C-alpha cells in the first residue's frame, strides 16, 4: 500500500528522481539567460517541453525556489543602502570595510546569502541561481504565488506516445480576455408587419 506516499516515482530510483527534477528546474531557469550567441539557445525564453507527469512534478520545486528568491528581495534592497560601488581592494573599499556601514551591510545581506545557498542546494546550478535572483524573482515580487503553468500538448511524443506538456513562467505570454462588443441595433428597430386584406 502507498499510504501517504506522495509524488510520482517516474520509474526511477529516489536519487535519480531528485537529479531529474533538479535538472528540469534549472533548465527552465536557464532558458531565461541571454543566449544570443549560444549554439544551444532556447527557442522561447521561460519555457521547456517535457512529459506531462514530469512537468507536474517539477512545478512545486520551481515555485518553491521562486518564492525563496522573492522573499529575499527586500533584504537585498535594504543592504544596497549600506553597500559601496568602489572596486574591490581599492583604498575607498578598504575604508568602507573598516566602517560601521560595512557591519550594517553584512547584517542586512546575510538573509540574501542564506536564500541563495538554499536555492543552490535545491537546484545545484550556480548559473540558474544567478538568473533566478537577478531576472526572474524581480518580475514576481507583487505576485503571491502561481509562477508557472503547465499546458498539455496535443501531439504525443514520438517513440512511446508519451503525453507531452509545456511548463513555462506566467506573465510573459499571457492571453488577455477580450470582451466582444455589444450588438448594435438600428434606431426604431423591430420587425415590420404588413396588413393583409
N, C-alpha and C. Protein backbone atom coordinates (compact mmCIF):
# COMPACT_ATOMS: atom_id res chain seq x y z
N UNK A 1 0.84 -1.18 0.00
CA UNK A 1 0.00 0.00 0.00
C UNK A 1 0.88 1.25 0.00
N UNK A 2 0.35 2.29 -0.56
CA UNK A 2 1.15 3.51 -0.64
C UNK A 2 0.51 4.62 0.18
N UNK A 3 0.16 4.32 1.41
CA UNK A 3 -0.44 5.34 2.26
C UNK A 3 0.55 6.48 2.48
N UNK A 4 0.10 7.70 2.24
CA UNK A 4 0.86 8.94 2.49
C UNK A 4 2.17 9.02 1.71
N UNK A 5 2.29 8.25 0.67
CA UNK A 5 3.49 8.35 -0.18
C UNK A 5 3.14 9.26 -1.34
N UNK A 6 3.57 10.49 -1.26
CA UNK A 6 3.14 11.45 -2.27
C UNK A 6 4.15 11.53 -3.40
N UNK A 7 3.69 12.03 -4.51
CA UNK A 7 4.57 12.23 -5.66
C UNK A 7 4.61 11.01 -6.57
N UNK A 8 5.15 11.23 -7.76
CA UNK A 8 5.27 10.18 -8.75
C UNK A 8 6.66 9.57 -8.69
N UNK A 9 6.77 8.29 -8.93
CA UNK A 9 8.06 7.61 -8.91
C UNK A 9 8.80 7.86 -10.23
N UNK A 10 8.08 7.96 -11.33
CA UNK A 10 8.63 8.22 -12.67
C UNK A 10 9.58 7.12 -13.12
N UNK A 11 9.44 5.92 -12.55
CA UNK A 11 10.25 4.79 -12.97
C UNK A 11 11.72 4.93 -12.66
N UNK A 12 12.07 5.64 -11.58
CA UNK A 12 13.46 5.91 -11.27
C UNK A 12 13.72 5.69 -9.78
N UNK A 13 14.98 5.50 -9.45
CA UNK A 13 15.38 5.43 -8.05
C UNK A 13 15.26 6.82 -7.44
N UNK A 14 15.16 6.92 -6.11
CA UNK A 14 14.97 8.24 -5.49
C UNK A 14 16.04 9.26 -5.83
N UNK A 15 17.31 8.86 -5.86
CA UNK A 15 18.37 9.80 -6.20
C UNK A 15 18.25 10.25 -7.66
N UNK A 16 17.84 9.33 -8.52
CA UNK A 16 17.64 9.66 -9.94
C UNK A 16 16.46 10.61 -10.11
N UNK A 17 15.40 10.43 -9.31
CA UNK A 17 14.25 11.34 -9.35
C UNK A 17 14.67 12.75 -8.97
N UNK A 18 15.42 12.87 -7.87
CA UNK A 18 15.87 14.19 -7.43
C UNK A 18 16.74 14.86 -8.49
N UNK A 19 17.65 14.09 -9.08
CA UNK A 19 18.52 14.65 -10.12
C UNK A 19 17.71 15.10 -11.33
N UNK A 20 16.71 14.31 -11.71
CA UNK A 20 15.86 14.67 -12.85
C UNK A 20 15.12 15.97 -12.59
N UNK A 21 14.52 16.10 -11.40
CA UNK A 21 13.74 17.30 -11.09
C UNK A 21 14.64 18.53 -10.97
N UNK A 22 15.83 18.37 -10.39
CA UNK A 22 16.77 19.49 -10.31
C UNK A 22 17.18 19.95 -11.70
N UNK A 23 17.46 19.00 -12.58
CA UNK A 23 17.88 19.35 -13.94
C UNK A 23 16.75 20.04 -14.71
N UNK A 24 15.52 19.56 -14.55
CA UNK A 24 14.40 20.20 -15.24
C UNK A 24 14.18 21.62 -14.73
N UNK A 25 14.25 21.80 -13.40
CA UNK A 25 14.02 23.13 -12.83
C UNK A 25 15.12 24.10 -13.25
N UNK A 26 16.37 23.66 -13.22
CA UNK A 26 17.45 24.56 -13.63
C UNK A 26 17.41 24.82 -15.13
N UNK A 27 16.97 23.83 -15.92
CA UNK A 27 16.84 24.05 -17.37
C UNK A 27 15.78 25.10 -17.66
N UNK A 28 14.68 25.08 -16.89
CA UNK A 28 13.64 26.09 -17.08
C UNK A 28 14.17 27.49 -16.78
N UNK A 29 14.98 27.61 -15.74
CA UNK A 29 15.52 28.92 -15.39
C UNK A 29 16.63 29.35 -16.35
N UNK A 30 17.37 28.40 -16.88
CA UNK A 30 18.44 28.75 -17.82
C UNK A 30 17.91 29.21 -19.17
N UNK A 31 16.65 28.91 -19.47
CA UNK A 31 16.09 29.41 -20.73
C UNK A 31 15.92 30.92 -20.70
N UNK A 32 15.93 31.52 -19.51
CA UNK A 32 15.79 32.97 -19.37
C UNK A 32 17.11 33.71 -19.60
N UNK A 33 18.21 32.98 -19.77
CA UNK A 33 19.51 33.64 -19.92
C UNK A 33 19.61 34.33 -21.26
N UNK A 34 20.58 35.23 -21.35
CA UNK A 34 20.84 35.92 -22.61
C UNK A 34 21.72 35.01 -23.45
N UNK A 35 21.11 34.28 -24.36
CA UNK A 35 21.81 33.25 -25.13
C UNK A 35 21.84 33.61 -26.61
N UNK A 36 22.16 34.86 -26.89
CA UNK A 36 22.13 35.32 -28.27
C UNK A 36 23.16 34.61 -29.14
N UNK A 37 24.35 34.35 -28.59
CA UNK A 37 25.42 33.76 -29.38
C UNK A 37 25.69 32.30 -29.01
N UNK A 38 24.81 31.68 -28.23
CA UNK A 38 24.98 30.28 -27.87
C UNK A 38 24.57 29.38 -29.02
N UNK A 39 25.23 28.22 -29.10
CA UNK A 39 24.82 27.23 -30.10
C UNK A 39 23.50 26.57 -29.69
N UNK A 40 23.28 26.46 -28.37
CA UNK A 40 22.11 25.77 -27.85
C UNK A 40 21.13 26.78 -27.23
N UNK A 41 20.85 27.83 -27.95
CA UNK A 41 19.95 28.88 -27.43
C UNK A 41 18.52 28.36 -27.38
N UNK A 42 17.76 28.73 -26.34
CA UNK A 42 16.36 28.27 -26.27
C UNK A 42 15.51 28.96 -27.34
N UNK A 43 14.52 28.24 -27.83
CA UNK A 43 13.63 28.81 -28.85
C UNK A 43 12.77 29.92 -28.25
N UNK A 44 12.20 29.64 -27.08
CA UNK A 44 11.34 30.61 -26.39
C UNK A 44 11.82 30.70 -24.95
N UNK A 45 12.03 31.93 -24.47
CA UNK A 45 12.51 32.12 -23.11
C UNK A 45 11.45 31.73 -22.10
N UNK A 46 11.89 31.07 -21.02
CA UNK A 46 10.99 30.72 -19.93
C UNK A 46 10.05 29.58 -20.22
N UNK A 47 10.44 28.67 -21.12
CA UNK A 47 9.55 27.56 -21.50
C UNK A 47 10.37 26.34 -21.85
N UNK A 48 9.97 25.17 -21.33
CA UNK A 48 10.56 23.90 -21.75
C UNK A 48 9.43 22.92 -22.04
N UNK A 49 9.73 21.93 -22.88
CA UNK A 49 8.76 20.89 -23.22
C UNK A 49 9.26 19.58 -22.62
N UNK A 50 8.39 18.91 -21.89
CA UNK A 50 8.70 17.63 -21.27
C UNK A 50 7.42 16.81 -21.22
N UNK A 51 7.42 15.69 -20.52
CA UNK A 51 6.18 14.93 -20.39
C UNK A 51 5.29 15.58 -19.34
N UNK A 52 4.03 15.28 -19.40
CA UNK A 52 3.05 15.89 -18.50
C UNK A 52 3.34 15.54 -17.05
N UNK A 53 3.69 14.29 -16.78
CA UNK A 53 3.95 13.87 -15.41
C UNK A 53 5.18 14.55 -14.84
N UNK A 54 6.24 14.67 -15.64
CA UNK A 54 7.46 15.35 -15.17
C UNK A 54 7.19 16.82 -14.92
N UNK A 55 6.40 17.45 -15.80
CA UNK A 55 6.07 18.88 -15.62
C UNK A 55 5.29 19.11 -14.34
N UNK A 56 4.35 18.21 -14.04
CA UNK A 56 3.56 18.36 -12.81
C UNK A 56 4.41 18.12 -11.57
N UNK A 57 5.43 17.28 -11.68
CA UNK A 57 6.30 17.01 -10.53
C UNK A 57 7.31 18.13 -10.30
N UNK A 58 7.80 18.77 -11.37
CA UNK A 58 8.84 19.79 -11.20
C UNK A 58 8.23 21.14 -10.82
N UNK A 59 6.96 21.32 -11.04
CA UNK A 59 6.33 22.61 -10.77
C UNK A 59 6.46 23.05 -9.31
N UNK A 60 6.19 22.20 -8.29
CA UNK A 60 6.37 22.65 -6.91
C UNK A 60 7.80 23.06 -6.57
N UNK A 61 8.78 22.39 -7.16
CA UNK A 61 10.18 22.75 -6.90
C UNK A 61 10.49 24.14 -7.45
N UNK A 62 10.02 24.42 -8.66
CA UNK A 62 10.25 25.74 -9.27
C UNK A 62 9.55 26.83 -8.46
N UNK A 63 8.31 26.56 -8.06
CA UNK A 63 7.55 27.54 -7.28
C UNK A 63 8.25 27.84 -5.95
N UNK A 64 8.78 26.81 -5.31
CA UNK A 64 9.46 26.99 -4.03
C UNK A 64 10.70 27.85 -4.20
N UNK A 65 11.48 27.59 -5.25
CA UNK A 65 12.70 28.37 -5.49
C UNK A 65 12.38 29.83 -5.77
N UNK A 66 11.34 30.09 -6.57
CA UNK A 66 10.97 31.47 -6.89
C UNK A 66 10.46 32.18 -5.64
N UNK A 67 9.73 31.47 -4.78
CA UNK A 67 9.23 32.08 -3.54
C UNK A 67 10.38 32.47 -2.63
N UNK A 68 11.38 31.60 -2.50
CA UNK A 68 12.54 31.91 -1.66
C UNK A 68 13.26 33.14 -2.21
N UNK A 69 13.42 33.20 -3.53
CA UNK A 69 14.11 34.34 -4.15
C UNK A 69 13.31 35.63 -3.98
N UNK A 70 11.98 35.56 -4.11
CA UNK A 70 11.15 36.76 -3.97
C UNK A 70 11.18 37.30 -2.56
N UNK A 71 11.23 36.42 -1.57
CA UNK A 71 11.26 36.86 -0.18
C UNK A 71 12.57 37.53 0.20
N UNK A 72 13.63 37.29 -0.56
CA UNK A 72 14.93 37.90 -0.23
C UNK A 72 15.13 39.27 -0.88
N UNK A 73 14.23 39.68 -1.75
CA UNK A 73 14.41 40.95 -2.47
C UNK A 73 14.38 42.17 -1.52
N UNK A 74 13.46 42.26 -0.54
CA UNK A 74 13.50 43.42 0.36
C UNK A 74 14.82 43.54 1.14
N UNK A 75 15.38 42.40 1.59
CA UNK A 75 16.66 42.45 2.29
C UNK A 75 17.78 42.90 1.37
N UNK A 76 17.69 42.51 0.10
CA UNK A 76 18.72 42.91 -0.86
C UNK A 76 18.66 44.42 -1.10
N UNK A 77 17.46 44.98 -1.15
CA UNK A 77 17.32 46.43 -1.31
C UNK A 77 17.82 47.16 -0.07
N UNK A 78 17.52 46.60 1.10
CA UNK A 78 17.99 47.22 2.34
C UNK A 78 19.51 47.18 2.43
N UNK A 79 20.12 46.12 1.97
CA UNK A 79 21.58 46.02 2.01
C UNK A 79 22.22 46.98 1.00
N UNK A 80 21.51 47.30 -0.08
CA UNK A 80 22.04 48.23 -1.07
C UNK A 80 22.27 49.62 -0.52
N UNK A 81 21.53 49.99 0.52
CA UNK A 81 21.71 51.31 1.13
C UNK A 81 23.06 51.44 1.84
N UNK A 82 23.56 50.32 2.37
CA UNK A 82 24.82 50.35 3.12
C UNK A 82 26.02 49.94 2.28
N UNK A 83 25.79 49.46 1.06
CA UNK A 83 26.87 48.97 0.22
C UNK A 83 27.70 50.09 -0.38
N UNK A 84 28.72 49.69 -1.14
CA UNK A 84 29.58 50.64 -1.83
C UNK A 84 29.78 50.20 -3.27
N UNK A 85 30.07 51.15 -4.12
CA UNK A 85 30.31 50.83 -5.53
C UNK A 85 31.80 50.87 -5.86
N UNK A 86 32.64 50.98 -4.83
CA UNK A 86 34.09 51.04 -5.05
C UNK A 86 34.61 49.68 -5.52
N UNK A 87 35.68 49.72 -6.28
CA UNK A 87 36.30 48.49 -6.76
C UNK A 87 36.93 47.73 -5.59
N UNK A 88 36.92 46.44 -5.67
CA UNK A 88 37.45 45.60 -4.60
C UNK A 88 38.94 45.87 -4.42
N UNK A 89 39.38 45.95 -3.16
CA UNK A 89 40.77 46.19 -2.76
C UNK A 89 41.26 47.59 -3.10
N UNK A 90 40.37 48.50 -3.43
CA UNK A 90 40.78 49.89 -3.62
C UNK A 90 40.84 50.57 -2.25
N UNK A 91 41.38 51.78 -2.20
CA UNK A 91 41.50 52.49 -0.93
C UNK A 91 40.12 52.81 -0.35
N UNK A 92 39.19 53.22 -1.19
CA UNK A 92 37.84 53.51 -0.72
C UNK A 92 37.15 52.26 -0.18
N UNK A 93 37.36 51.13 -0.86
CA UNK A 93 36.76 49.87 -0.42
C UNK A 93 37.32 49.42 0.94
N UNK A 94 38.62 49.62 1.14
CA UNK A 94 39.25 49.24 2.41
C UNK A 94 38.72 50.08 3.57
N UNK A 95 38.52 51.37 3.33
CA UNK A 95 37.96 52.21 4.41
C UNK A 95 36.50 51.83 4.69
N UNK A 96 35.77 51.47 3.64
CA UNK A 96 34.39 51.01 3.83
C UNK A 96 34.34 49.73 4.66
N UNK A 97 35.31 48.84 4.43
CA UNK A 97 35.36 47.58 5.19
C UNK A 97 35.59 47.81 6.67
N UNK A 98 36.25 48.89 7.03
CA UNK A 98 36.54 49.17 8.43
C UNK A 98 35.45 50.02 9.09
N UNK A 99 34.50 50.50 8.29
CA UNK A 99 33.48 51.40 8.83
C UNK A 99 32.30 50.62 9.43
N UNK A 100 31.43 51.38 10.06
CA UNK A 100 30.22 50.79 10.65
C UNK A 100 29.21 50.41 9.56
N UNK A 101 29.27 51.10 8.42
CA UNK A 101 28.37 50.79 7.30
C UNK A 101 28.59 49.37 6.81
N UNK A 102 29.81 48.87 6.85
CA UNK A 102 30.10 47.50 6.42
C UNK A 102 29.41 46.50 7.33
N UNK A 103 29.43 46.75 8.65
CA UNK A 103 28.77 45.85 9.57
C UNK A 103 27.25 45.84 9.34
N UNK A 104 26.70 47.01 9.07
CA UNK A 104 25.26 47.09 8.77
C UNK A 104 24.94 46.36 7.47
N UNK A 105 25.80 46.54 6.46
CA UNK A 105 25.60 45.85 5.18
C UNK A 105 25.69 44.34 5.38
N UNK A 106 26.66 43.93 6.17
CA UNK A 106 26.86 42.50 6.41
C UNK A 106 25.65 41.89 7.10
N UNK A 107 25.07 42.62 8.04
CA UNK A 107 23.89 42.13 8.74
C UNK A 107 22.68 42.08 7.81
N UNK A 108 22.56 43.06 6.92
CA UNK A 108 21.41 43.12 6.02
C UNK A 108 21.51 42.11 4.88
N UNK A 109 22.73 41.78 4.44
CA UNK A 109 22.89 40.91 3.28
C UNK A 109 22.87 39.43 3.67
N UNK A 110 23.02 39.10 4.95
CA UNK A 110 23.11 37.69 5.34
C UNK A 110 21.86 36.88 5.01
N UNK A 111 20.62 37.40 5.14
CA UNK A 111 19.46 36.59 4.71
C UNK A 111 19.46 36.31 3.21
N UNK A 112 19.98 37.25 2.43
CA UNK A 112 20.04 37.05 0.98
C UNK A 112 21.02 35.93 0.64
N UNK A 113 22.16 35.94 1.31
CA UNK A 113 23.16 34.89 1.08
C UNK A 113 22.60 33.53 1.49
N UNK A 114 21.88 33.49 2.61
CA UNK A 114 21.26 32.24 3.06
C UNK A 114 20.23 31.75 2.06
N UNK A 115 19.45 32.67 1.48
CA UNK A 115 18.45 32.28 0.48
C UNK A 115 19.11 31.74 -0.77
N UNK A 116 20.18 32.38 -1.21
CA UNK A 116 20.91 31.89 -2.39
C UNK A 116 21.48 30.49 -2.14
N UNK A 117 22.01 30.28 -0.95
CA UNK A 117 22.57 28.97 -0.63
C UNK A 117 21.48 27.90 -0.58
N UNK A 118 20.31 28.26 -0.06
CA UNK A 118 19.20 27.31 0.00
C UNK A 118 18.74 26.93 -1.40
N UNK A 119 18.63 27.91 -2.30
CA UNK A 119 18.20 27.62 -3.66
C UNK A 119 19.28 26.83 -4.40
N UNK A 120 20.54 27.15 -4.13
CA UNK A 120 21.63 26.38 -4.75
C UNK A 120 21.59 24.93 -4.29
N UNK A 121 21.22 24.71 -3.05
CA UNK A 121 21.07 23.35 -2.54
C UNK A 121 19.93 22.62 -3.26
N UNK A 122 18.85 23.34 -3.56
CA UNK A 122 17.71 22.73 -4.24
C UNK A 122 17.97 22.49 -5.72
N UNK A 123 18.66 23.44 -6.38
CA UNK A 123 18.86 23.34 -7.83
C UNK A 123 20.19 22.71 -8.24
N UNK A 124 21.25 23.07 -7.53
CA UNK A 124 22.56 22.52 -7.86
C UNK A 124 23.22 23.16 -9.06
N UNK A 125 22.80 24.35 -9.46
CA UNK A 125 23.38 25.03 -10.62
C UNK A 125 23.54 26.51 -10.30
N UNK A 126 24.79 26.99 -10.23
CA UNK A 126 25.05 28.37 -9.84
C UNK A 126 24.52 29.36 -10.86
N UNK A 127 24.62 29.03 -12.13
CA UNK A 127 24.14 29.95 -13.16
C UNK A 127 22.62 30.09 -13.10
N UNK A 128 21.92 28.99 -12.83
CA UNK A 128 20.46 29.05 -12.71
C UNK A 128 20.06 29.89 -11.50
N UNK A 129 20.81 29.77 -10.40
CA UNK A 129 20.51 30.56 -9.20
C UNK A 129 20.71 32.05 -9.48
N UNK A 130 21.77 32.38 -10.19
CA UNK A 130 22.04 33.78 -10.53
C UNK A 130 20.91 34.35 -11.40
N UNK A 131 20.48 33.60 -12.39
CA UNK A 131 19.40 34.06 -13.27
C UNK A 131 18.10 34.20 -12.48
N UNK A 132 17.85 33.26 -11.57
CA UNK A 132 16.63 33.31 -10.76
C UNK A 132 16.59 34.57 -9.90
N UNK A 133 17.69 34.90 -9.21
CA UNK A 133 17.70 36.04 -8.31
C UNK A 133 17.81 37.37 -9.06
N UNK A 134 18.43 37.38 -10.24
CA UNK A 134 18.64 38.64 -10.96
C UNK A 134 17.49 39.00 -11.89
N UNK A 135 16.90 38.03 -12.58
CA UNK A 135 15.90 38.37 -13.60
C UNK A 135 14.50 37.84 -13.30
N UNK A 136 14.40 36.61 -12.79
CA UNK A 136 13.07 36.01 -12.64
C UNK A 136 12.35 36.54 -11.41
N UNK A 137 13.02 36.52 -10.25
CA UNK A 137 12.35 36.92 -9.00
C UNK A 137 11.86 38.36 -9.01
N UNK A 138 12.60 39.34 -9.54
CA UNK A 138 12.06 40.71 -9.55
C UNK A 138 10.75 40.86 -10.34
N UNK A 139 10.49 39.97 -11.30
CA UNK A 139 9.23 40.04 -12.05
C UNK A 139 8.04 39.64 -11.20
N UNK A 140 8.26 38.78 -10.21
CA UNK A 140 7.16 38.22 -9.44
C UNK A 140 7.06 38.76 -8.03
N UNK A 141 7.60 39.94 -7.76
CA UNK A 141 7.56 40.46 -6.39
C UNK A 141 6.14 40.74 -5.92
N UNK A 142 5.26 41.17 -6.80
CA UNK A 142 3.90 41.51 -6.42
C UNK A 142 2.95 40.31 -6.52
N UNK A 143 3.43 39.20 -7.04
CA UNK A 143 2.57 38.03 -7.24
C UNK A 143 2.66 37.09 -6.04
N UNK A 144 1.53 36.68 -5.45
CA UNK A 144 1.58 35.86 -4.24
C UNK A 144 1.85 34.38 -4.47
N UNK A 145 1.95 33.93 -5.69
CA UNK A 145 2.21 32.52 -5.98
C UNK A 145 1.74 32.20 -7.39
N UNK A 146 1.87 30.95 -7.80
CA UNK A 146 1.44 30.56 -9.14
C UNK A 146 2.31 31.16 -10.21
N UNK A 147 3.61 30.89 -10.14
CA UNK A 147 4.57 31.50 -11.06
C UNK A 147 4.70 30.72 -12.37
N UNK A 148 4.22 29.49 -12.40
CA UNK A 148 4.36 28.67 -13.61
C UNK A 148 3.00 28.12 -14.03
N UNK A 149 2.94 27.68 -15.27
CA UNK A 149 1.74 27.00 -15.76
C UNK A 149 2.18 25.77 -16.55
N UNK A 150 1.35 24.76 -16.53
CA UNK A 150 1.59 23.53 -17.29
C UNK A 150 0.48 23.41 -18.32
N UNK A 151 0.86 23.34 -19.59
CA UNK A 151 -0.10 23.22 -20.69
C UNK A 151 0.14 21.91 -21.42
N UNK A 152 -0.89 21.10 -21.55
CA UNK A 152 -0.77 19.82 -22.24
C UNK A 152 -0.71 20.06 -23.75
N UNK A 153 0.17 19.36 -24.43
CA UNK A 153 0.27 19.45 -25.88
C UNK A 153 -0.57 18.35 -26.52
N UNK A 154 -1.11 18.64 -27.69
CA UNK A 154 -1.98 17.68 -28.35
C UNK A 154 -1.19 16.55 -29.00
N UNK A 155 0.01 16.85 -29.50
CA UNK A 155 0.78 15.85 -30.23
C UNK A 155 1.64 15.04 -29.25
N UNK A 156 1.49 13.73 -29.20
CA UNK A 156 2.30 12.93 -28.26
C UNK A 156 3.74 12.81 -28.72
N UNK A 157 4.57 12.33 -27.82
CA UNK A 157 5.99 12.16 -28.10
C UNK A 157 6.19 11.01 -29.07
N UNK A 158 7.09 11.20 -30.02
CA UNK A 158 7.40 10.12 -30.96
C UNK A 158 8.14 9.01 -30.22
N UNK A 159 7.88 7.81 -30.59
CA UNK A 159 8.58 6.68 -29.99
C UNK A 159 7.72 5.94 -29.00
N UNK A 160 7.28 6.60 -27.93
CA UNK A 160 6.48 5.90 -26.93
C UNK A 160 5.10 6.54 -26.74
N UNK A 161 4.79 7.55 -27.51
CA UNK A 161 3.49 8.23 -27.47
C UNK A 161 3.18 8.78 -26.08
N UNK A 162 4.22 9.25 -25.37
CA UNK A 162 4.01 9.86 -24.06
C UNK A 162 3.34 11.21 -24.20
N UNK A 163 2.50 11.58 -23.24
CA UNK A 163 1.80 12.86 -23.27
C UNK A 163 2.79 13.97 -22.98
N UNK A 164 2.95 14.89 -23.92
CA UNK A 164 3.89 15.99 -23.74
C UNK A 164 3.18 17.20 -23.17
N UNK A 165 3.97 18.05 -22.51
CA UNK A 165 3.42 19.27 -21.93
C UNK A 165 4.47 20.36 -21.94
N UNK A 166 4.00 21.59 -21.85
CA UNK A 166 4.87 22.76 -21.76
C UNK A 166 4.78 23.27 -20.33
N UNK A 167 5.93 23.53 -19.72
CA UNK A 167 5.93 24.24 -18.44
C UNK A 167 6.63 25.56 -18.68
N UNK A 168 5.99 26.66 -18.28
CA UNK A 168 6.53 27.98 -18.56
C UNK A 168 6.19 28.94 -17.43
N UNK A 169 6.94 30.04 -17.38
CA UNK A 169 6.66 31.09 -16.41
C UNK A 169 5.49 31.92 -16.91
N UNK A 170 4.63 32.36 -16.00
CA UNK A 170 3.47 33.17 -16.38
C UNK A 170 3.90 34.63 -16.49
N UNK A 171 3.04 35.42 -17.11
CA UNK A 171 3.27 36.85 -17.16
C UNK A 171 3.88 37.38 -18.44
N UNK A 172 4.47 36.52 -19.26
CA UNK A 172 5.11 36.98 -20.48
C UNK A 172 4.19 36.78 -21.67
N UNK A 173 3.67 35.57 -21.82
CA UNK A 173 2.80 35.26 -22.94
C UNK A 173 1.37 34.97 -22.48
N UNK A 174 0.87 35.80 -21.57
CA UNK A 174 -0.49 35.60 -21.07
C UNK A 174 -1.49 36.07 -22.11
N UNK A 175 -2.55 35.31 -22.23
CA UNK A 175 -3.63 35.71 -23.12
C UNK A 175 -4.54 36.67 -22.38
N UNK A 176 -4.91 37.75 -23.02
CA UNK A 176 -5.80 38.74 -22.41
C UNK A 176 -7.21 38.46 -22.88
N UNK A 177 -8.11 38.31 -21.94
CA UNK A 177 -9.51 38.06 -22.30
C UNK A 177 -10.12 39.35 -22.85
N UNK A 178 -10.65 39.27 -24.03
CA UNK A 178 -11.27 40.44 -24.65
C UNK A 178 -12.77 40.21 -24.72
N UNK A 179 -13.49 41.21 -24.30
CA UNK A 179 -14.95 41.11 -24.36
C UNK A 179 -15.41 41.48 -25.78
N UNK A 180 -16.35 40.72 -26.26
CA UNK A 180 -16.89 41.04 -27.58
C UNK A 180 -17.77 42.28 -27.46
N UNK A 181 -17.79 43.09 -28.50
CA UNK A 181 -18.60 44.31 -28.42
C UNK A 181 -20.09 43.97 -28.38
N UNK A 182 -20.84 44.84 -27.73
CA UNK A 182 -22.29 44.64 -27.63
C UNK A 182 -22.91 44.82 -29.01
N UNK A 183 -23.93 44.05 -29.32
CA UNK A 183 -24.55 44.19 -30.64
C UNK A 183 -25.23 45.55 -30.79
N UNK A 184 -25.14 46.09 -31.99
CA UNK A 184 -25.74 47.38 -32.28
C UNK A 184 -27.06 47.16 -33.03
N UNK A 185 -28.08 47.83 -32.59
CA UNK A 185 -29.38 47.73 -33.24
C UNK A 185 -29.72 49.05 -33.91
N UNK A 186 -30.51 48.95 -34.98
CA UNK A 186 -30.93 50.17 -35.67
C UNK A 186 -31.95 50.92 -34.83
N UNK A 187 -32.00 52.23 -35.01
CA UNK A 187 -32.98 53.04 -34.29
C UNK A 187 -34.37 52.72 -34.82
N UNK A 188 -35.33 52.55 -33.91
CA UNK A 188 -36.70 52.24 -34.33
C UNK A 188 -36.81 50.83 -34.85
N UNK A 189 -35.93 49.97 -34.38
CA UNK A 189 -35.87 48.60 -34.87
C UNK A 189 -37.12 47.81 -34.54
N UNK A 190 -37.08 46.61 -34.82
CA UNK A 190 -38.23 45.74 -34.63
C UNK A 190 -38.56 45.07 -35.94
N UNK A 191 -39.59 44.29 -35.94
CA UNK A 191 -39.98 43.61 -37.17
C UNK A 191 -41.09 44.38 -37.85
N UNK A 192 -41.08 44.32 -39.15
CA UNK A 192 -42.13 45.02 -39.92
C UNK A 192 -43.31 44.06 -40.10
N UNK A 193 -44.48 44.63 -39.97
CA UNK A 193 -45.69 43.84 -40.18
C UNK A 193 -46.41 44.42 -41.40
N UNK A 194 -46.98 43.55 -42.14
CA UNK A 194 -47.75 44.01 -43.32
C UNK A 194 -49.22 43.72 -43.07
N UNK A 195 -50.06 44.61 -43.55
CA UNK A 195 -51.51 44.40 -43.41
C UNK A 195 -51.99 43.54 -44.56
N UNK A 196 -52.64 42.50 -44.20
CA UNK A 196 -53.20 41.62 -45.23
C UNK A 196 -54.71 41.90 -45.35
N UNK A 197 -55.25 42.08 -46.56
CA UNK A 197 -56.68 42.36 -46.77
C UNK A 197 -57.49 41.13 -46.77
